[in-house]
Amino acid sequence: MDHSQLVGKIASDKDSLKLGQIIRIDKLLGKTIKTYEPFVMILIRKFLRKDMVVPLEAKKVTKVEGIYAWFNVTKAEFDEEVKRIKKIKAERETYTGTIVEQTNRNRYYSIRDFTGLSHKSKERKK
């Protein structure tokens, strides 16, 4: 199946419940086999919240008709995937990126880098 036909369609689950709108097709690494597989990127719009893009395997498409595309997933499975993506996104946004011990007159505080990628000031000058 040509997956480019799915772009712009509304994604639905087995029970015809709306999941979101398909905005693009990307090739990402598969979960079990480490090869690139086509994934459908679904845009989710929720009222008073940020928009979110969730990947879903393109091989799960069961039917395409009109402006709708049906996938072989349930709404509960899709919601679990959304929660997982939110958690990953939150972890990336909370990372500060530097380790510095700073003193400010009466205060002493430190910012920690958990990855260990910090450099000393002499190494930065080189």
Protein backbone atom coordinates (compact mmCIF):
# COMPACT_ATOMS: atom_id res chain seq x y z
CA MET A 1 0.00 0.00 0.00
CA ASP A 2 1.19 3.51 -0.79
CA HIS A 3 1.29 5.21 2.60
CA SER A 4 1.47 8.71 1.12
CA GLN A 5 -2.30 8.46 0.48
CA LEU A 6 -2.89 8.59 4.25
CA VAL A 7 -1.57 12.14 4.71
CA GLY A 8 -4.40 14.55 5.54
CA LYS A 9 -6.89 11.86 6.54
CA ILE A 10 -8.52 11.44 9.95
CA ALA A 11 -7.25 8.44 11.91
CA SER A 12 -9.85 6.22 13.62
CA ASP A 13 -9.61 3.11 15.79
CA LYS A 14 -11.43 -0.24 15.43
CA ASP A 15 -14.64 1.19 16.87
CA SER A 16 -14.58 4.29 14.61
CA LEU A 17 -13.50 6.63 17.42
CA LYS A 18 -11.41 9.57 16.24
CA LEU A 19 -7.70 9.43 17.17
CA GLY A 20 -6.45 12.53 15.35
CA GLN A 21 -5.31 13.80 11.97
CA ILE A 22 -2.47 12.22 9.98
CA ILE A 23 0.08 14.91 9.14
CA ARG A 24 3.05 12.97 7.70
CA ILE A 25 4.72 9.59 7.21
CA ASP A 26 8.18 9.04 8.78
CA LYS A 27 10.56 6.10 8.77
CA LEU A 28 11.47 5.21 12.36
CA LEU A 29 13.13 2.23 14.02
CA GLY A 30 10.74 -0.61 14.79
CA LYS A 31 10.14 -1.83 18.35
CA THR A 32 11.30 -5.43 17.92
CA ILE A 33 13.33 -5.50 14.71
CA LYS A 34 15.88 -2.71 14.41
CA THR A 35 15.05 -1.71 10.84
CA TYR A 36 13.37 1.42 9.56
CA GLU A 37 9.62 1.03 9.13
CA PRO A 38 6.99 3.56 8.01
CA PHE A 39 5.15 5.23 10.88
CA VAL A 40 2.11 7.48 10.59
CA MET A 41 2.43 10.70 12.59
CA ILE A 42 -0.94 11.59 14.12
CA LEU A 43 -1.61 15.12 15.35
CA ILE A 44 -3.72 15.22 18.51
CA ARG A 45 -5.45 18.48 19.39
CA LYS A 46 -6.88 18.83 22.89
CA PHE A 47 -8.72 21.85 24.19
CA LEU A 48 -6.56 24.15 26.39
CA ARG A 49 -3.51 21.91 25.97
CA LYS A 50 -0.55 21.76 23.63
CA ASP A 51 -0.89 19.87 20.36
CA MET A 52 0.95 16.57 20.29
CA VAL A 53 2.28 14.28 17.56
CA VAL A 54 2.11 10.52 18.19
CA PRO A 55 3.65 7.84 15.92
CA LEU A 56 1.62 4.76 14.96
CA GLU A 57 2.78 1.89 12.75
CA ALA A 58 1.55 2.28 9.18
CA LYS A 59 1.10 -1.48 8.76
CA LYS A 60 -1.82 -1.35 11.23
CA VAL A 61 -4.06 0.34 8.63
CA THR A 62 -7.09 -1.84 7.94
CA LYS A 63 -9.24 0.35 5.71
CA VAL A 64 -9.05 3.71 3.92
CA GLU A 65 -12.26 5.30 2.71
CA GLY A 66 -13.01 8.95 1.97
CA ILE A 67 -11.37 11.18 4.56
CA TYR A 68 -11.00 8.41 7.17
CA ALA A 69 -8.34 5.75 7.80
CA TRP A 70 -9.07 2.93 10.24
CA PHE A 71 -6.30 1.34 12.31
CA ASN A 72 -6.21 -2.03 14.09
CA VAL A 73 -5.85 -0.51 17.59
CA THR A 74 -8.27 0.37 20.36
CA LYS A 75 -8.68 3.79 21.92
CA ALA A 76 -7.22 2.48 25.22
CA GLU A 77 -4.05 1.21 23.47
CA PHE A 78 -3.66 4.52 21.68
CA ASP A 79 -4.10 6.46 24.95
CA GLU A 80 -1.33 4.36 26.54
CA GLU A 81 0.96 5.32 23.65
CA VAL A 82 0.05 8.99 24.15
CA LYS A 83 0.95 8.74 27.86
CA ARG A 84 4.30 7.15 26.98
CA ILE A 85 5.11 9.92 24.48
CA LYS A 86 4.12 12.62 27.02
CA LYS A 87 6.46 11.08 29.58
CA ILE A 88 9.38 11.02 27.12
CA LYS A 89 8.70 14.62 26.11
CA ALA A 90 8.57 15.77 29.75
CA GLU A 91 11.91 14.08 30.52
CA ARG A 92 13.57 15.89 27.62
CA GLU A 93 12.22 19.30 28.65
CA THR A 94 13.33 19.05 32.30
CA TYR A 95 17.02 18.42 31.50
CA THR A 96 19.15 21.47 32.41
CA GLY A 97 22.36 20.43 30.69
CA THR A 98 25.16 21.84 32.86
CA ILE A 99 26.95 21.14 36.10
CA VAL A 100 28.00 24.25 37.91
CA GLU A 101 28.50 25.02 41.55
CA GLN A 102 27.68 28.64 42.09
CA THR A 103 27.85 30.88 45.11
CA ASN A 104 25.78 33.99 45.39
CA ARG A 105 26.83 35.90 48.51
CA ASN A 106 24.79 34.05 51.14
CA ARG A 107 23.49 31.22 48.95
CA TYR A 108 25.22 28.10 47.70
CA TYR A 109 23.51 25.92 45.13
CA SER A 110 24.41 23.52 42.34
CA ILE A 111 22.94 22.53 39.02
CA ARG A 112 23.53 18.85 38.25
CA ASP A 113 24.31 17.20 34.94
CA PHE A 114 23.30 13.54 35.19
CA THR A 115 24.88 12.60 31.86
CA GLY A 116 28.41 13.62 32.89
CA LEU A 117 29.02 15.71 29.76
CA SER A 118 30.21 18.82 31.58
CA HIS A 119 33.65 20.31 30.87
CA LYS A 120 36.07 22.20 33.05
CA SER A 121 36.75 25.84 32.23
CA LYS A 122 40.31 25.06 30.99
CA GLU A 123 39.01 22.44 28.56
CA ARG A 124 36.49 24.88 27.09
CA LYS A 125 39.19 27.44 26.25
CA LYS A 126 41.17 25.02 24.05
